Amino acid sequence: MKAILAIRIIVVILLLILGTLSALTGVILYTAPRGSGESAIAFGLPKRNWSTLHTYLSFGATGVAVVHLYINWRALIYYIKKIVGK
């Protein structure tokens, strides 16, 4: 029982960190100077690097979200049934 709790905690923390960093890089990309490639620099990194980082963080957050849903599937179904009223 304690192992699954530790896994849940790790998954939630990872999801929080990756989601926050993905959102932060999204804001940086949104506010970065127009242009592409090496010409647009934001916080010392080219826009291309921010885009790559944002993509990897988003894929990581999506993967961890799938694991989170898998681990908490029974609770999710319980809550849905409770809301629907079955």
Protein backbone atom coordinates (compact mmCIF):
# COMPACT_ATOMS: atom_id res chain seq x y z
CA MET A 1 0.00 0.00 0.00
CA LYS A 2 2.81 2.43 0.80
CA ALA A 3 4.50 1.74 -2.54
CA ILE A 4 1.43 2.79 -4.54
CA LEU A 5 1.11 5.92 -2.42
CA ALA A 6 4.74 6.80 -3.13
CA ILE A 7 4.16 6.24 -6.86
CA ARG A 8 1.06 8.45 -6.77
CA ILE A 9 2.96 11.22 -5.03
CA ILE A 10 5.83 11.04 -7.53
CA VAL A 11 3.40 11.06 -10.48
CA VAL A 12 1.50 14.07 -9.13
CA ILE A 13 4.71 16.02 -8.45
CA LEU A 14 6.07 15.19 -11.91
CA LEU A 15 2.80 16.23 -13.52
CA LEU A 16 2.80 19.50 -11.60
CA ILE A 17 6.41 20.29 -12.50
CA LEU A 18 6.15 19.30 -16.17
CA GLY A 19 2.80 21.04 -16.62
CA THR A 20 4.06 24.23 -15.02
CA LEU A 21 7.26 24.26 -17.07
CA SER A 22 5.30 23.55 -20.24
CA ALA A 23 2.97 26.45 -19.51
CA LEU A 24 5.93 28.71 -18.72
CA THR A 25 7.72 27.87 -21.96
CA GLY A 26 4.43 28.42 -23.80
CA VAL A 27 4.18 31.92 -22.36
CA ILE A 28 7.82 32.58 -23.28
CA LEU A 29 7.15 31.43 -26.85
CA TYR A 30 3.99 33.53 -27.04
CA THR A 31 5.80 36.67 -25.88
CA ALA A 32 9.09 36.00 -27.70
CA PRO A 33 10.09 38.31 -30.52
CA ARG A 34 8.63 37.45 -33.90
CA GLY A 35 10.83 35.54 -36.25
CA SER A 36 12.14 32.05 -36.50
CA GLY A 37 15.27 30.11 -35.80
CA GLU A 38 18.34 31.77 -34.39
CA SER A 39 17.27 35.37 -34.99
CA ALA A 40 14.65 35.48 -32.21
CA ILE A 41 16.30 35.34 -28.78
CA ALA A 42 14.38 35.13 -25.48
CA PHE A 43 16.14 34.88 -22.11
CA GLY A 44 19.39 33.98 -23.80
CA LEU A 45 18.05 31.04 -25.83
CA PRO A 46 16.96 31.01 -29.45
CA LYS A 47 13.25 30.60 -30.06
CA ARG A 48 13.93 27.26 -31.75
CA ASN A 49 15.40 25.89 -28.49
CA TRP A 50 12.41 27.15 -26.49
CA SER A 51 10.10 25.46 -28.97
CA THR A 52 11.97 22.16 -28.69
CA LEU A 53 11.98 22.36 -24.90
CA HIS A 54 8.26 23.17 -24.87
CA THR A 55 7.52 20.19 -27.11
CA TYR A 56 9.49 17.73 -24.95
CA LEU A 57 7.98 19.06 -21.73
CA SER A 58 4.48 18.80 -23.20
CA PHE A 59 5.03 15.21 -24.36
CA GLY A 60 6.41 14.35 -20.92
CA ALA A 61 3.42 15.95 -19.19
CA THR A 62 1.03 14.07 -21.48
CA GLY A 63 2.76 10.76 -20.71
CA VAL A 64 2.67 11.39 -16.97
CA ALA A 65 -1.01 12.42 -17.24
CA VAL A 66 -1.79 9.07 -18.89
CA VAL A 67 0.00 7.26 -16.05
CA HIS A 68 -1.92 9.42 -13.56
CA LEU A 69 -5.24 8.43 -15.16
CA TYR A 70 -4.23 4.76 -15.18
CA ILE A 71 -3.28 4.80 -11.50
CA ASN A 72 -6.44 6.65 -10.45
CA TRP A 73 -8.87 5.02 -12.91
CA ARG A 74 -11.06 3.38 -10.24
CA ALA A 75 -11.42 6.62 -8.30
CA LEU A 76 -12.25 8.51 -11.50
CA ILE A 77 -14.99 6.02 -12.41
CA TYR A 78 -16.35 6.18 -8.85
CA TYR A 79 -16.58 9.99 -8.98
CA ILE A 80 -18.21 9.95 -12.40
CA LYS A 81 -20.82 7.43 -11.24
CA LYS A 82 -21.44 9.50 -8.14
CA ILE A 83 -22.00 12.65 -10.21
CA VAL A 84 -24.18 10.93 -12.80
CA GLY A 85 -26.21 9.23 -10.07
CA LYS A 86 -26.05 5.58 -11.04
